[in-house]
Amino acid sequence: MFRKERMVILISITILLLISICNFSLAAYPEREVTLLMASSAGGGDDLIAQTFKPYLEKYLGVRTVCDYKIGAGMTVAWAYIANSTKPDGYTLGLSKVPHLAATEIMRKDEKKHEWEDIVPVYNIVVDPNILLVRGDSPINTLEEYIEYCKENPGMVTLSSTGVGGDDWIAAKLLQKATGIDNILVAFESDGFVIQSLIGKHIESSILNVGGVMTQLQDGRLKALAVLSDERCPFVPDVPTTVELGYNVVGGSSRGWSFLKGTPEEIIDTMEKAIDQAVHDPEFLEKAKELGINVVPMNREKYTEYWNSSFEDIKGVLLDEIL
């Protein structure tokens, strides 16, 4: 009898110790640097946002962060890496973009190496509208002039984006459909390559995100013809929208952060809180304003709702309007 009671006591102590160890481990998060897994190359619009944001995330998270770049195939390379080569331990925070991930879920369903359910939205920080661009020295100054030029040169005017299935590619297809123009669509791996090629006169026009081209717009190397939105963008208030010009074409990209499925709730809560503090930091907001980063905070609940509704919206666009 005494031996049985002793065994029960030992088992109880063991269970309590395990619970204590687990609680201590979660309470200690994060204990080391966190990797920000980027789905595009260094120097582009995504990287500008990440590099601007990361010092403030570090401030509130309490550890260093480092960017790792896994580019290609509409974010599938990055998220395949997260799903198959990392652990759900909170030390890999993946950049998550809508409509990119929704589009790859539809268009690359047979080739992607991750599932939609593998991604757990944590927090959205940016919604960045698309903008139609030409070189600063281009004789084209308005959307109507651009449409006319494209119709005068059918199948000859290049229009670049950052890859099939991305927000600017979708916007380009919708612009073609709405205006009746026929462009040569050229896809690049990142907006940094698009900008270089446009300025270098290798392509004639492009659709990118406002936040990624503010420097080139301000110094005159690029010229904006229209923002693909129903409201003018505060960072380029003099540029008209496609909607006010009579074309119901709206496009843009959200940038947020997500974890791999299976990440403990306590870790998600810690990261959500740190991101929320960072995104509302007055110094970050001022820098974002200077750089043309359109900050639109969404906590986990709101971001998840946006995530799922955007998937349904983009599915309708791809199936009904494009494919």
Protein backbone atom coordinates (compact mmCIF):
# COMPACT_ATOMS: atom_id res chain seq x y z
CA MET A 1 0.00 0.00 0.00
CA PHE A 2 2.81 2.36 0.95
CA ARG A 3 4.60 1.58 -2.33
CA LYS A 4 1.47 2.40 -4.34
CA GLU A 5 1.00 5.72 -2.57
CA ARG A 6 4.66 6.54 -3.12
CA MET A 7 4.31 5.79 -6.84
CA VAL A 8 1.26 8.08 -7.11
CA ILE A 9 3.18 10.87 -5.39
CA LEU A 10 6.18 10.44 -7.72
CA ILE A 11 3.95 10.50 -10.81
CA SER A 12 2.17 13.63 -9.55
CA ILE A 13 5.48 15.38 -8.90
CA THR A 14 6.72 14.42 -12.37
CA ILE A 15 3.59 15.83 -14.02
CA LEU A 16 3.89 19.07 -12.05
CA LEU A 17 7.54 19.41 -13.04
CA LEU A 18 6.71 18.89 -16.72
CA ILE A 19 3.94 21.47 -16.56
CA SER A 20 6.30 23.90 -14.85
CA ILE A 21 8.99 23.35 -17.48
CA CYS A 22 6.50 23.89 -20.32
CA ASN A 23 5.10 27.02 -18.71
CA PHE A 24 8.59 28.36 -18.08
CA SER A 25 9.57 27.69 -21.69
CA LEU A 26 6.53 29.55 -23.04
CA ALA A 27 6.90 32.37 -20.55
CA ALA A 28 10.52 32.83 -21.59
CA TYR A 29 9.66 33.30 -25.28
CA PRO A 30 11.48 34.71 -27.10
CA GLU A 31 14.89 33.60 -25.88
CA ARG A 32 16.80 34.16 -29.14
CA GLU A 33 16.57 35.99 -32.44
CA VAL A 34 13.49 35.61 -34.61
CA THR A 35 13.79 35.09 -38.37
CA LEU A 36 11.59 37.22 -40.59
CA LEU A 37 11.07 34.98 -43.61
CA MET A 38 10.72 37.18 -46.69
CA ALA A 39 9.17 35.93 -49.94
CA SER A 40 10.89 38.56 -52.09
CA SER A 41 14.42 39.82 -52.56
CA ALA A 42 16.28 42.45 -50.59
CA GLY A 43 15.82 46.03 -51.75
CA GLY A 44 12.22 45.84 -52.92
CA GLY A 45 8.99 47.18 -51.47
CA ASP A 46 8.48 44.27 -49.07
CA ASP A 47 12.00 44.66 -47.77
CA LEU A 48 11.57 48.41 -47.34
CA ILE A 49 8.57 47.76 -45.10
CA ALA A 50 10.31 45.00 -43.17
CA GLN A 51 13.53 46.95 -42.64
CA THR A 52 11.59 50.01 -41.50
CA PHE A 53 9.46 47.96 -39.12
CA LYS A 54 11.96 45.51 -37.63
CA PRO A 55 13.75 47.89 -35.20
CA TYR A 56 10.42 48.62 -33.53
CA LEU A 57 9.46 44.95 -33.43
CA GLU A 58 12.81 44.28 -31.76
CA LYS A 59 12.13 47.07 -29.29
CA TYR A 60 8.92 45.49 -28.02
CA LEU A 61 9.79 41.82 -28.59
CA GLY A 62 13.08 42.20 -26.75
CA VAL A 63 15.27 40.21 -29.17
CA ARG A 64 17.04 40.74 -32.47
CA THR A 65 15.30 39.89 -35.75
CA VAL A 66 16.99 38.92 -39.00
CA CYS A 67 15.56 38.79 -42.52
CA ASP A 68 15.95 35.63 -44.60
CA TYR A 69 14.96 35.73 -48.27
CA LYS A 70 13.29 32.82 -50.07
CA ILE A 71 12.01 34.22 -53.34
CA GLY A 72 10.00 32.77 -56.19
CA ALA A 73 6.74 31.21 -57.37
CA GLY A 74 4.32 33.67 -55.81
CA MET A 75 5.41 33.14 -52.19
CA THR A 76 5.22 29.35 -52.50
CA VAL A 77 8.99 28.94 -52.09
CA ALA A 78 8.97 30.88 -48.83
CA TRP A 79 5.96 29.17 -47.34
CA ALA A 80 7.04 25.73 -48.53
CA TYR A 81 10.26 26.35 -46.61
CA ILE A 82 8.35 27.43 -43.50
CA ALA A 83 5.96 24.47 -43.70
CA ASN A 84 8.59 21.82 -44.35
CA SER A 85 11.87 23.11 -42.92
CA THR A 86 10.98 25.01 -39.74
CA LYS A 87 9.26 24.24 -36.45
CA PRO A 88 6.11 25.94 -35.09
CA ASP A 89 8.11 27.41 -32.23
CA GLY A 90 7.68 31.12 -32.87
CA TYR A 91 11.19 31.69 -34.20
CA THR A 92 10.20 31.95 -37.87
CA LEU A 93 7.72 34.71 -38.65
CA GLY A 94 6.63 34.64 -42.27
CA LEU A 95 5.66 37.59 -44.43
CA SER A 96 2.11 36.94 -45.61
CA LYS A 97 0.56 38.86 -48.47
CA VAL A 98 -2.94 39.06 -49.91
CA PRO A 99 -3.80 38.49 -52.72
CA HIS A 100 -0.52 36.66 -53.45
CA LEU A 101 -1.05 33.65 -51.21
CA ALA A 102 -4.70 33.39 -52.15
CA ALA A 103 -3.77 33.46 -55.84
CA THR A 104 -1.12 30.76 -55.47
CA GLU A 105 -3.62 28.61 -53.58
CA ILE A 106 -5.80 28.69 -56.69
CA MET A 107 -3.25 28.86 -59.52
CA ARG A 108 -0.48 26.65 -58.13
CA LYS A 109 -2.53 24.15 -56.19
CA ASP A 110 -0.83 21.11 -57.72
CA GLU A 111 2.75 22.35 -57.45
CA LYS A 112 2.90 24.22 -54.14
CA LYS A 113 4.46 22.47 -51.14
CA HIS A 114 2.33 24.05 -48.43
CA GLU A 115 -1.36 24.20 -47.58
CA TRP A 116 -3.57 27.24 -47.00
CA GLU A 117 -4.27 25.88 -43.52
CA ASP A 118 -0.53 25.85 -42.70
CA ILE A 119 -0.58 29.64 -42.38
CA VAL A 120 -1.86 31.22 -39.16
CA PRO A 121 -2.40 34.99 -39.61
CA VAL A 122 -1.01 36.98 -36.68
CA TYR A 123 -1.12 40.68 -37.60
CA ASN A 124 -1.44 42.87 -40.69
CA ILE A 125 0.57 46.09 -40.86
CA VAL A 126 0.19 47.52 -44.38
CA VAL A 127 -2.30 47.78 -47.22
CA ASP A 128 -0.53 49.23 -50.25
CA PRO A 129 -2.50 50.26 -53.39
CA ASN A 130 -1.24 49.58 -56.90
CA ILE A 131 -0.02 52.39 -59.13
CA LEU A 132 0.53 52.58 -62.91
CA LEU A 133 4.00 53.90 -63.75
CA VAL A 134 6.12 55.08 -66.66
CA ARG A 135 9.60 56.62 -66.74
CA GLY A 136 9.94 60.18 -65.58
CA ASP A 137 10.98 61.34 -69.05
CA SER A 138 8.14 59.54 -70.83
CA PRO A 139 5.96 61.73 -73.10
CA ILE A 140 2.92 59.96 -71.63
CA ASN A 141 1.38 61.96 -68.77
CA THR A 142 -2.13 60.56 -68.21
CA LEU A 143 -3.95 57.25 -68.14
CA GLU A 144 -5.90 58.19 -71.24
CA GLU A 145 -2.69 58.93 -73.14
CA TYR A 146 -1.32 55.57 -72.02
CA ILE A 147 -4.44 53.72 -73.17
CA GLU A 148 -4.32 55.51 -76.52
CA TYR A 149 -0.63 54.69 -76.96
CA CYS A 150 -1.24 51.01 -76.17
CA LYS A 151 -4.12 50.81 -78.63
CA GLU A 152 -1.99 52.43 -81.32
CA ASN A 153 0.68 49.80 -80.65
CA PRO A 154 -1.25 46.60 -79.87
CA GLY A 155 0.82 43.74 -78.47
CA MET A 156 3.96 45.87 -78.37
CA VAL A 157 3.91 47.91 -75.15
CA THR A 158 5.50 46.15 -72.19
CA LEU A 159 3.73 46.24 -68.82
CA SER A 160 5.69 44.68 -65.98
CA SER A 161 4.74 43.20 -62.62
CA THR A 162 6.36 41.11 -59.91
CA GLY A 163 5.16 37.71 -61.00
CA VAL A 164 2.12 35.77 -62.10
CA GLY A 165 -0.50 35.67 -59.34
CA GLY A 166 0.74 38.76 -57.52
CA ASP A 167 -1.41 41.79 -56.81
CA ASP A 168 0.17 43.92 -59.55
CA TRP A 169 -0.14 41.10 -62.11
CA ILE A 170 -3.82 40.74 -61.23
CA ALA A 171 -4.21 44.52 -61.47
CA ALA A 172 -2.52 44.52 -64.89
CA LYS A 173 -4.90 41.86 -66.17
CA LEU A 174 -7.90 43.76 -64.83
CA LEU A 175 -6.65 47.02 -66.36
CA GLN A 176 -6.29 45.30 -69.74
CA LYS A 177 -9.81 43.92 -69.50
CA ALA A 178 -11.36 47.23 -68.43
CA THR A 179 -9.60 49.37 -71.03
CA GLY A 180 -9.31 46.97 -73.94
CA ILE A 181 -5.54 47.35 -74.24
CA ASP A 182 -3.21 44.51 -75.25
CA ASN A 183 0.17 44.67 -73.53
CA ILE A 184 3.13 42.35 -73.31
CA LEU A 185 3.07 41.35 -69.64
CA VAL A 186 6.56 40.92 -68.22
CA ALA A 187 7.03 39.25 -64.83
CA PHE A 188 10.01 39.89 -62.54
CA GLU A 189 11.00 38.28 -59.24
CA SER A 190 10.80 41.52 -57.27
CA ASP A 191 9.81 45.16 -57.67
CA GLY A 192 13.47 46.12 -57.32
CA PHE A 193 14.15 44.44 -60.68
CA VAL A 194 11.05 46.05 -62.17
CA ILE A 195 12.19 49.53 -61.10
CA GLN A 196 15.70 49.01 -62.45
CA SER A 197 14.37 47.75 -65.78
CA LEU A 198 11.86 50.59 -66.11
CA ILE A 199 14.39 53.30 -65.32
CA GLY A 200 16.92 51.55 -67.58
CA LYS A 201 14.44 51.68 -70.51
CA HIS A 202 14.20 47.90 -70.85
CA ILE A 203 10.43 48.06 -70.32
CA GLU A 204 7.91 50.84 -70.95
CA SER A 205 5.47 50.68 -68.04
CA SER A 206 4.73 48.83 -64.84
CA ILE A 207 2.22 48.36 -62.07
CA LEU A 208 3.70 48.24 -58.58
CA ASN A 209 2.73 49.32 -55.06
CA VAL A 210 2.86 52.95 -54.00
CA GLY A 211 5.03 52.23 -50.97
CA GLY A 212 7.80 50.67 -53.03
CA VAL A 213 8.30 53.56 -55.45
CA MET A 214 8.04 56.73 -53.39
CA THR A 215 11.75 57.53 -53.70
CA GLN A 216 11.70 57.20 -57.49
CA LEU A 217 8.52 59.27 -57.75
CA GLN A 218 9.95 62.00 -55.56
CA ASP A 219 13.22 62.27 -57.48
CA GLY A 220 11.43 62.20 -60.84
CA ARG A 221 12.87 58.97 -62.23
CA LEU A 222 9.34 57.52 -62.36
CA LYS A 223 5.99 59.11 -63.16
CA ALA A 224 2.58 57.95 -61.89
CA LEU A 225 -0.40 57.87 -64.23
CA ALA A 226 -3.08 56.49 -61.92
CA VAL A 227 -3.60 54.83 -58.54
CA LEU A 228 -5.69 51.67 -58.88
CA SER A 229 -8.10 52.55 -56.12
CA ASP A 230 -11.47 54.09 -55.37
CA GLU A 231 -9.84 56.72 -53.14
CA ARG A 232 -6.78 58.89 -53.68
CA CYS A 233 -3.67 57.79 -51.84
CA PRO A 234 -2.45 60.32 -49.22
CA PHE A 235 1.16 59.78 -50.30
CA VAL A 236 0.46 60.77 -53.93
CA PRO A 237 -2.59 63.02 -53.54
CA ASP A 238 -2.22 64.63 -56.99
CA VAL A 239 -2.41 61.30 -58.83
CA PRO A 240 -5.98 60.45 -59.93
CA THR A 241 -7.55 57.06 -59.30
CA THR A 242 -8.71 54.63 -61.95
CA VAL A 243 -12.22 54.80 -60.51
CA GLU A 244 -12.51 58.57 -60.78
CA LEU A 245 -11.19 58.29 -64.34
CA GLY A 246 -14.06 55.95 -65.18
CA TYR A 247 -12.42 52.52 -64.89
CA ASN A 248 -13.58 50.22 -62.10
CA VAL A 249 -10.15 48.71 -61.52
CA VAL A 250 -8.93 48.41 -57.95
CA GLY A 251 -5.79 46.61 -56.81
CA GLY A 252 -3.30 46.47 -53.99
CA SER A 253 -1.37 44.35 -51.56
CA SER A 254 -1.58 43.76 -47.85
CA ARG A 255 1.54 42.89 -45.90
CA GLY A 256 1.25 41.07 -42.63
CA TRP A 257 3.00 38.46 -40.52
CA SER A 258 1.96 34.87 -39.92
CA PHE A 259 3.12 31.77 -38.07
CA LEU A 260 3.17 28.12 -39.02
CA LYS A 261 0.19 26.05 -37.90
CA GLY A 262 0.82 24.45 -34.54
CA THR A 263 2.53 27.44 -32.96
CA PRO A 264 1.42 27.61 -29.29
CA GLU A 265 -1.26 30.16 -28.50
CA GLU A 266 0.90 31.80 -25.83
CA ILE A 267 3.62 32.49 -28.40
CA ILE A 268 1.12 33.86 -30.92
CA ASP A 269 -0.30 36.15 -28.24
CA THR A 270 3.19 37.42 -27.34
CA MET A 271 4.04 38.16 -30.98
CA GLU A 272 0.67 39.78 -31.67
CA LYS A 273 1.15 42.12 -28.72
CA ALA A 274 4.70 43.04 -29.76
CA ILE A 275 3.66 43.77 -33.35
CA ASP A 276 0.69 45.82 -32.16
CA GLN A 277 2.97 47.94 -29.95
CA ALA A 278 5.51 48.34 -32.74
CA VAL A 279 2.98 49.32 -35.40
CA HIS A 280 1.53 52.01 -33.13
CA ASP A 281 4.91 53.40 -32.11
CA PRO A 282 4.83 57.15 -32.99
CA GLU A 283 8.36 57.06 -34.39
CA PHE A 284 7.53 54.13 -36.68
CA LEU A 285 4.36 55.84 -37.88
CA GLU A 286 6.32 58.99 -38.71
CA LYS A 287 8.93 57.04 -40.67
CA ALA A 288 6.21 55.10 -42.47
CA LYS A 289 4.58 58.36 -43.48
CA GLU A 290 7.88 59.72 -44.83
CA LEU A 291 8.42 56.55 -46.91
CA GLY A 292 4.88 56.26 -48.21
CA ILE A 293 4.06 53.12 -46.26
CA ASN A 294 0.30 52.97 -45.84
CA VAL A 295 -0.08 51.52 -42.33
CA VAL A 296 -3.35 49.65 -41.76
CA PRO A 297 -3.14 47.69 -38.48
CA MET A 298 -5.27 44.58 -38.08
CA ASN A 299 -5.02 42.41 -34.98
CA ARG A 300 -5.21 38.65 -35.21
CA GLU A 301 -9.00 38.51 -35.24
CA LYS A 302 -9.44 41.24 -37.87
CA TYR A 303 -6.55 39.97 -39.97
CA THR A 304 -7.99 36.45 -40.01
CA GLU A 305 -11.37 37.79 -41.16
CA TYR A 306 -9.67 39.89 -43.85
CA TRP A 307 -7.52 36.91 -44.83
CA ASN A 308 -10.46 34.59 -45.38
CA SER A 309 -12.72 37.15 -47.09
CA SER A 310 -9.87 38.20 -49.40
CA PHE A 311 -9.40 34.58 -50.42
CA GLU A 312 -13.02 34.38 -51.50
CA ASP A 313 -12.79 37.72 -53.32
CA ILE A 314 -9.62 36.84 -55.22
CA LYS A 315 -10.99 33.43 -56.11
CA GLY A 316 -13.87 35.21 -57.78
CA VAL A 317 -11.51 37.55 -59.61
CA LEU A 318 -9.25 34.79 -60.87
CA LEU A 319 -11.98 32.41 -61.90
CA ASP A 320 -14.52 34.89 -63.25
CA GLU A 321 -12.42 37.79 -64.53
CA ILE A 322 -9.04 36.40 -65.57
CA LEU A 323 -8.75 32.67 -66.08
